[in-house]
Amino acid sequence: MEIPAELRYSADHEWVRPSDAGMQVGITDFAQDALGDVVYVELPEIGAQVAADEAMCEIESTKSVSDIFAPLSGEIAEVNVALEDEPQLVNESPYGDGWICVITPKADTAQADAEMAALLDADGYAALIAEDV
């Protein structure tokens, strides 16, 4: 399983990476592997307000339909429209072309800092998934 050191991770198997527009979000290599072949991604709506740990969209695979949870509170600033035609990008490149959305964190920097601090680093995420293997 690939676990890039520069990312932060949620216990729900989402990853977070700073980007120009906010915080880019996707699902981890572990999550895409557990899902199996992704056949559809319901992207969140641009401008939607999301709260940390609440469902923001769904991914459908050949095995199941799974909620994707917001790792941070904020506004959806961007979505990966390529997933509409190529949902398999989630499987092929979970940390690259398979990203899902960009969240602009809430203006409350104390809350945003606390939510980021609650995310796992690569070692913490590796320990979490080791329990599931």
N, C-alpha and C. Protein backbone atom coordinates (compact mmCIF):
# COMPACT_ATOMS: atom_id res chain seq x y z
N MET A 1 0.83 -1.19 0.00
CA MET A 1 0.00 0.00 0.00
C MET A 1 0.87 1.25 0.00
N GLU A 2 0.55 2.15 -0.86
CA GLU A 2 1.26 3.42 -0.94
C GLU A 2 0.65 4.39 0.07
N ILE A 3 1.52 5.03 0.88
CA ILE A 3 1.10 6.02 1.87
C ILE A 3 2.08 7.19 1.80
N PRO A 4 1.82 8.16 0.93
CA PRO A 4 2.75 9.29 0.79
C PRO A 4 2.94 10.05 2.11
N ALA A 5 4.18 10.33 2.43
CA ALA A 5 4.53 10.97 3.71
C ALA A 5 4.05 12.41 3.80
N GLU A 6 3.89 13.09 2.65
CA GLU A 6 3.53 14.51 2.69
C GLU A 6 2.04 14.77 2.91
N LEU A 7 1.22 13.74 2.90
CA LEU A 7 -0.22 13.90 3.06
C LEU A 7 -0.65 13.70 4.51
N ARG A 8 -1.87 14.15 4.81
CA ARG A 8 -2.52 13.89 6.10
C ARG A 8 -3.71 12.97 5.79
N TYR A 9 -4.12 12.16 6.77
CA TYR A 9 -5.11 11.11 6.53
C TYR A 9 -6.20 11.12 7.60
N SER A 10 -7.42 10.77 7.18
CA SER A 10 -8.51 10.62 8.13
C SER A 10 -8.66 9.13 8.47
N ALA A 11 -9.32 8.87 9.57
CA ALA A 11 -9.60 7.48 9.96
C ALA A 11 -10.59 6.84 9.00
N ASP A 12 -11.28 7.67 8.19
CA ASP A 12 -12.24 7.17 7.20
C ASP A 12 -11.59 6.92 5.84
N HIS A 13 -10.25 7.02 5.78
CA HIS A 13 -9.45 6.69 4.60
C HIS A 13 -9.49 7.74 3.49
N GLU A 14 -9.64 9.00 3.88
CA GLU A 14 -9.45 10.10 2.95
C GLU A 14 -8.08 10.72 3.19
N TRP A 15 -7.51 11.33 2.16
CA TRP A 15 -6.24 12.04 2.31
C TRP A 15 -6.46 13.52 2.01
N VAL A 16 -5.55 14.35 2.52
CA VAL A 16 -5.61 15.80 2.37
C VAL A 16 -4.24 16.32 1.95
N ARG A 17 -4.24 17.22 0.95
CA ARG A 17 -3.00 17.85 0.46
C ARG A 17 -3.29 19.33 0.20
N PRO A 18 -2.43 20.24 0.69
CA PRO A 18 -2.62 21.65 0.37
C PRO A 18 -2.52 21.88 -1.13
N SER A 19 -3.40 22.76 -1.65
CA SER A 19 -3.36 23.15 -3.07
C SER A 19 -3.58 24.66 -3.14
N ASP A 20 -3.50 25.22 -4.33
CA ASP A 20 -3.69 26.66 -4.51
C ASP A 20 -5.07 27.12 -4.05
N ALA A 21 -6.10 26.30 -4.26
CA ALA A 21 -7.47 26.70 -3.95
C ALA A 21 -7.92 26.30 -2.55
N GLY A 22 -7.12 25.54 -1.83
CA GLY A 22 -7.51 25.06 -0.50
C GLY A 22 -6.84 23.74 -0.20
N MET A 23 -7.64 22.78 0.21
CA MET A 23 -7.11 21.46 0.57
C MET A 23 -7.70 20.41 -0.37
N GLN A 24 -6.83 19.80 -1.17
CA GLN A 24 -7.25 18.76 -2.11
C GLN A 24 -7.53 17.48 -1.33
N VAL A 25 -8.59 16.78 -1.70
CA VAL A 25 -9.05 15.59 -0.98
C VAL A 25 -9.25 14.43 -1.95
N GLY A 26 -8.90 13.24 -1.51
CA GLY A 26 -9.16 12.02 -2.27
C GLY A 26 -9.26 10.85 -1.30
N ILE A 27 -9.38 9.65 -1.85
CA ILE A 27 -9.37 8.47 -0.98
C ILE A 27 -8.02 7.78 -1.11
N THR A 28 -7.66 7.05 -0.10
CA THR A 28 -6.35 6.42 -0.04
C THR A 28 -6.26 5.19 -0.94
N ASP A 29 -5.04 4.77 -1.16
CA ASP A 29 -4.77 3.54 -1.90
C ASP A 29 -5.45 2.36 -1.21
N PHE A 30 -5.38 2.33 0.11
CA PHE A 30 -6.04 1.27 0.89
C PHE A 30 -7.54 1.26 0.61
N ALA A 31 -8.17 2.43 0.62
CA ALA A 31 -9.61 2.53 0.41
C ALA A 31 -10.01 2.10 -0.99
N GLN A 32 -9.26 2.56 -2.00
CA GLN A 32 -9.64 2.19 -3.38
C GLN A 32 -9.46 0.70 -3.59
N ASP A 33 -8.46 0.11 -2.94
CA ASP A 33 -8.23 -1.34 -3.05
C ASP A 33 -9.39 -2.11 -2.40
N ALA A 34 -9.84 -1.63 -1.25
CA ALA A 34 -10.95 -2.28 -0.55
C ALA A 34 -12.25 -2.16 -1.33
N LEU A 35 -12.44 -1.04 -2.02
CA LEU A 35 -13.66 -0.83 -2.80
C LEU A 35 -13.74 -1.73 -4.02
N GLY A 36 -12.62 -2.01 -4.61
CA GLY A 36 -12.62 -2.72 -5.89
C GLY A 36 -12.77 -1.72 -7.03
N ASP A 37 -13.20 -2.19 -8.18
CA ASP A 37 -13.28 -1.34 -9.37
C ASP A 37 -14.34 -0.26 -9.20
N VAL A 38 -13.91 1.00 -9.22
CA VAL A 38 -14.82 2.13 -9.09
C VAL A 38 -15.50 2.36 -10.44
N VAL A 39 -16.85 2.43 -10.40
CA VAL A 39 -17.62 2.59 -11.64
C VAL A 39 -18.36 3.92 -11.70
N TYR A 40 -18.47 4.64 -10.57
CA TYR A 40 -19.17 5.91 -10.56
C TYR A 40 -18.74 6.72 -9.34
N VAL A 41 -18.54 8.02 -9.54
CA VAL A 41 -18.24 8.93 -8.43
C VAL A 41 -19.27 10.04 -8.46
N GLU A 42 -20.04 10.15 -7.38
CA GLU A 42 -20.97 11.28 -7.22
C GLU A 42 -20.18 12.41 -6.58
N LEU A 43 -19.84 13.39 -7.37
CA LEU A 43 -19.01 14.50 -6.87
C LEU A 43 -19.86 15.45 -6.03
N PRO A 44 -19.23 16.08 -5.02
CA PRO A 44 -19.97 17.09 -4.27
C PRO A 44 -20.21 18.32 -5.16
N GLU A 45 -21.14 19.17 -4.76
CA GLU A 45 -21.44 20.38 -5.54
C GLU A 45 -20.49 21.50 -5.15
N ILE A 46 -19.97 22.20 -6.16
CA ILE A 46 -19.14 23.38 -5.90
C ILE A 46 -19.99 24.39 -5.14
N GLY A 47 -19.41 24.94 -4.09
CA GLY A 47 -20.11 25.90 -3.24
C GLY A 47 -20.80 25.28 -2.05
N ALA A 48 -20.93 23.95 -2.04
CA ALA A 48 -21.57 23.28 -0.90
C ALA A 48 -20.72 23.43 0.34
N GLN A 49 -21.38 23.61 1.47
CA GLN A 49 -20.69 23.66 2.76
C GLN A 49 -20.61 22.23 3.30
N VAL A 50 -19.44 21.83 3.75
CA VAL A 50 -19.26 20.50 4.32
C VAL A 50 -18.71 20.64 5.73
N ALA A 51 -19.01 19.65 6.55
CA ALA A 51 -18.51 19.62 7.92
C ALA A 51 -17.62 18.40 8.09
N ALA A 52 -16.56 18.57 8.84
CA ALA A 52 -15.62 17.46 9.08
C ALA A 52 -16.37 16.24 9.58
N ASP A 53 -16.00 15.09 9.03
CA ASP A 53 -16.54 13.79 9.41
C ASP A 53 -17.97 13.53 8.94
N GLU A 54 -18.51 14.40 8.09
CA GLU A 54 -19.83 14.17 7.53
C GLU A 54 -19.71 13.79 6.06
N ALA A 55 -20.64 12.96 5.57
CA ALA A 55 -20.62 12.51 4.18
C ALA A 55 -20.73 13.71 3.24
N MET A 56 -19.88 13.72 2.19
CA MET A 56 -19.92 14.81 1.21
C MET A 56 -20.21 14.31 -0.19
N CYS A 57 -20.01 13.00 -0.44
CA CYS A 57 -20.29 12.42 -1.74
C CYS A 57 -20.25 10.90 -1.61
N GLU A 58 -20.45 10.22 -2.74
CA GLU A 58 -20.44 8.76 -2.75
C GLU A 58 -19.58 8.23 -3.88
N ILE A 59 -19.03 7.05 -3.65
CA ILE A 59 -18.31 6.31 -4.69
C ILE A 59 -18.98 4.96 -4.81
N GLU A 60 -19.29 4.59 -6.06
CA GLU A 60 -19.89 3.29 -6.33
C GLU A 60 -18.84 2.41 -7.00
N SER A 61 -18.71 1.20 -6.46
CA SER A 61 -17.79 0.23 -7.05
C SER A 61 -18.56 -1.02 -7.41
N THR A 62 -17.85 -1.98 -7.96
CA THR A 62 -18.50 -3.24 -8.31
C THR A 62 -18.92 -3.99 -7.04
N LYS A 63 -18.38 -3.60 -5.88
CA LYS A 63 -18.70 -4.26 -4.62
C LYS A 63 -19.78 -3.55 -3.81
N SER A 64 -19.78 -2.20 -3.82
CA SER A 64 -20.68 -1.46 -2.92
C SER A 64 -20.75 0.01 -3.29
N VAL A 65 -21.61 0.72 -2.56
CA VAL A 65 -21.66 2.17 -2.62
C VAL A 65 -21.16 2.66 -1.26
N SER A 66 -20.20 3.57 -1.28
CA SER A 66 -19.59 4.04 -0.04
C SER A 66 -19.63 5.56 0.05
N ASP A 67 -19.95 6.05 1.25
CA ASP A 67 -19.87 7.49 1.50
C ASP A 67 -18.42 7.91 1.59
N ILE A 68 -18.15 9.11 1.11
CA ILE A 68 -16.84 9.74 1.29
C ILE A 68 -17.07 10.90 2.26
N PHE A 69 -16.29 10.94 3.31
CA PHE A 69 -16.47 11.90 4.38
C PHE A 69 -15.50 13.08 4.24
N ALA A 70 -15.99 14.26 4.56
CA ALA A 70 -15.14 15.45 4.53
C ALA A 70 -14.14 15.36 5.67
N PRO A 71 -12.85 15.43 5.38
CA PRO A 71 -11.86 15.41 6.45
C PRO A 71 -11.74 16.75 7.17
N LEU A 72 -12.27 17.82 6.52
CA LEU A 72 -12.21 19.18 7.06
C LEU A 72 -13.54 19.88 6.79
N SER A 73 -13.86 20.87 7.61
CA SER A 73 -15.03 21.70 7.37
C SER A 73 -14.66 22.82 6.41
N GLY A 74 -15.62 23.20 5.58
CA GLY A 74 -15.37 24.30 4.65
C GLY A 74 -16.32 24.26 3.47
N GLU A 75 -15.87 24.88 2.39
CA GLU A 75 -16.68 24.98 1.17
C GLU A 75 -16.00 24.23 0.04
N ILE A 76 -16.79 23.51 -0.74
CA ILE A 76 -16.24 22.82 -1.92
C ILE A 76 -15.89 23.89 -2.95
N ALA A 77 -14.60 24.01 -3.25
CA ALA A 77 -14.12 25.04 -4.17
C ALA A 77 -13.92 24.50 -5.58
N GLU A 78 -13.69 23.20 -5.68
CA GLU A 78 -13.36 22.60 -6.98
C GLU A 78 -13.69 21.11 -6.89
N VAL A 79 -14.08 20.53 -8.01
CA VAL A 79 -14.28 19.08 -8.09
C VAL A 79 -13.52 18.55 -9.30
N ASN A 80 -13.19 17.29 -9.25
CA ASN A 80 -12.44 16.65 -10.34
C ASN A 80 -13.43 16.11 -11.37
N VAL A 81 -13.82 16.96 -12.33
CA VAL A 81 -14.82 16.57 -13.32
C VAL A 81 -14.36 15.41 -14.21
N ALA A 82 -13.07 15.15 -14.27
CA ALA A 82 -12.57 14.01 -15.05
C ALA A 82 -13.16 12.70 -14.55
N LEU A 83 -13.53 12.66 -13.26
CA LEU A 83 -14.08 11.42 -12.69
C LEU A 83 -15.46 11.09 -13.23
N GLU A 84 -16.15 12.08 -13.80
CA GLU A 84 -17.47 11.82 -14.38
C GLU A 84 -17.36 10.83 -15.54
N ASP A 85 -16.32 10.97 -16.35
CA ASP A 85 -16.13 10.08 -17.49
C ASP A 85 -15.14 8.96 -17.22
N GLU A 86 -14.27 9.18 -16.23
CA GLU A 86 -13.23 8.20 -15.93
C GLU A 86 -13.14 7.91 -14.43
N PRO A 87 -14.19 7.30 -13.86
CA PRO A 87 -14.17 7.03 -12.41
C PRO A 87 -13.05 6.09 -12.00
N GLN A 88 -12.55 5.31 -12.94
CA GLN A 88 -11.46 4.37 -12.65
C GLN A 88 -10.17 5.07 -12.26
N LEU A 89 -10.08 6.40 -12.49
CA LEU A 89 -8.90 7.15 -12.06
C LEU A 89 -8.69 7.04 -10.55
N VAL A 90 -9.79 6.85 -9.81
CA VAL A 90 -9.68 6.67 -8.36
C VAL A 90 -8.84 5.42 -8.06
N ASN A 91 -9.03 4.37 -8.85
CA ASN A 91 -8.25 3.14 -8.68
C ASN A 91 -6.84 3.29 -9.23
N GLU A 92 -6.73 3.89 -10.40
CA GLU A 92 -5.45 3.95 -11.10
C GLU A 92 -4.46 4.93 -10.47
N SER A 93 -4.97 6.03 -9.91
CA SER A 93 -4.11 7.08 -9.40
C SER A 93 -4.77 7.78 -8.20
N PRO A 94 -4.92 7.06 -7.08
CA PRO A 94 -5.66 7.65 -5.95
C PRO A 94 -5.04 8.92 -5.39
N TYR A 95 -3.72 9.09 -5.52
CA TYR A 95 -3.06 10.29 -4.99
C TYR A 95 -2.72 11.30 -6.09
N GLY A 96 -3.12 11.00 -7.31
CA GLY A 96 -2.83 11.88 -8.43
C GLY A 96 -4.11 12.28 -9.14
N ASP A 97 -4.31 11.75 -10.34
CA ASP A 97 -5.46 12.12 -11.16
C ASP A 97 -6.81 11.71 -10.57
N GLY A 98 -6.81 10.84 -9.57
CA GLY A 98 -8.04 10.35 -8.97
C GLY A 98 -8.54 11.15 -7.78
N TRP A 99 -7.99 12.37 -7.56
CA TRP A 99 -8.48 13.21 -6.46
C TRP A 99 -9.96 13.52 -6.67
N ILE A 100 -10.66 13.89 -5.58
CA ILE A 100 -12.11 14.09 -5.66
C ILE A 100 -12.50 15.57 -5.67
N CYS A 101 -12.01 16.33 -4.70
CA CYS A 101 -12.42 17.73 -4.61
C CYS A 101 -11.38 18.56 -3.87
N VAL A 102 -11.60 19.86 -3.87
CA VAL A 102 -10.80 20.80 -3.08
C VAL A 102 -11.75 21.50 -2.13
N ILE A 103 -11.39 21.50 -0.85
CA ILE A 103 -12.18 22.17 0.19
C ILE A 103 -11.41 23.40 0.64
N THR A 104 -12.10 24.55 0.63
CA THR A 104 -11.53 25.76 1.23
C THR A 104 -11.94 25.74 2.69
N PRO A 105 -10.98 25.59 3.61
CA PRO A 105 -11.34 25.50 5.03
C PRO A 105 -12.09 26.73 5.52
N LYS A 106 -12.87 26.54 6.58
CA LYS A 106 -13.61 27.64 7.19
C LYS A 106 -12.66 28.76 7.59
N ALA A 107 -13.18 29.96 7.63
CA ALA A 107 -12.38 31.13 7.99
C ALA A 107 -11.89 31.07 9.43
N ASP A 108 -12.58 30.29 10.26
CA ASP A 108 -12.18 30.13 11.66
C ASP A 108 -10.88 29.33 11.70
N THR A 109 -9.76 30.02 11.77
CA THR A 109 -8.47 29.34 11.67
C THR A 109 -8.22 28.40 12.85
N ALA A 110 -8.77 28.71 14.02
CA ALA A 110 -8.60 27.81 15.16
C ALA A 110 -9.27 26.48 14.89
N GLN A 111 -10.47 26.52 14.32
CA GLN A 111 -11.18 25.29 13.99
C GLN A 111 -10.45 24.54 12.88
N ALA A 112 -10.03 25.26 11.84
CA ALA A 112 -9.31 24.63 10.73
C ALA A 112 -8.01 23.99 11.21
N ASP A 113 -7.28 24.70 12.08
CA ASP A 113 -6.03 24.15 12.63
C ASP A 113 -6.29 22.91 13.46
N ALA A 114 -7.36 22.93 14.25
CA ALA A 114 -7.70 21.78 15.09
C ALA A 114 -8.08 20.57 14.23
N GLU A 115 -8.83 20.82 13.15
CA GLU A 115 -9.22 19.72 12.27
C GLU A 115 -8.00 19.13 11.56
N MET A 116 -7.09 19.99 11.11
CA MET A 116 -5.86 19.49 10.47
C MET A 116 -5.02 18.70 11.47
N ALA A 117 -4.92 19.19 12.70
CA ALA A 117 -4.13 18.51 13.72
C ALA A 117 -4.72 17.15 14.08
N ALA A 118 -6.03 16.99 13.90
CA ALA A 118 -6.68 15.72 14.22
C ALA A 118 -6.42 14.65 13.16
N LEU A 119 -5.98 15.07 11.98
CA LEU A 119 -5.69 14.10 10.92
C LEU A 119 -4.39 13.36 11.23
N LEU A 120 -4.28 12.16 10.68
CA LEU A 120 -3.11 11.32 10.93
C LEU A 120 -1.98 11.64 9.97
N ASP A 121 -0.74 11.47 10.43
CA ASP A 121 0.39 11.53 9.51
C ASP A 121 0.53 10.14 8.87
N ALA A 122 1.49 9.97 7.99
CA ALA A 122 1.64 8.70 7.26
C ALA A 122 1.88 7.53 8.22
N ASP A 123 2.69 7.72 9.26
CA ASP A 123 2.95 6.63 10.21
C ASP A 123 1.69 6.26 10.98
N GLY A 124 0.92 7.28 11.38
CA GLY A 124 -0.32 7.03 12.10
C GLY A 124 -1.33 6.30 11.23
N TYR A 125 -1.41 6.69 9.95
CA TYR A 125 -2.33 6.02 9.04
C TYR A 125 -1.88 4.59 8.78
N ALA A 126 -0.58 4.37 8.61
CA ALA A 126 -0.06 3.01 8.41
C ALA A 126 -0.43 2.12 9.59
N ALA A 127 -0.33 2.66 10.81
CA ALA A 127 -0.70 1.89 12.01
C ALA A 127 -2.19 1.59 12.00
N LEU A 128 -3.00 2.55 11.57
CA LEU A 128 -4.46 2.35 11.52
C LEU A 128 -4.82 1.23 10.55
N ILE A 129 -4.26 1.26 9.36
CA ILE A 129 -4.66 0.23 8.39
C ILE A 129 -4.03 -1.12 8.71
N ALA A 130 -2.94 -1.14 9.46
CA ALA A 130 -2.33 -2.42 9.86
C ALA A 130 -3.30 -3.20 10.72
N GLU A 131 -4.16 -2.50 11.45
CA GLU A 131 -5.19 -3.15 12.28
C GLU A 131 -6.26 -3.82 11.42
N ASP A 132 -6.48 -3.28 10.20
CA ASP A 132 -7.53 -3.78 9.31
C ASP A 132 -7.05 -4.87 8.35
N VAL A 133 -5.75 -5.07 8.28
CA VAL A 133 -5.21 -6.03 7.30
C VAL A 133 -5.24 -7.43 7.84
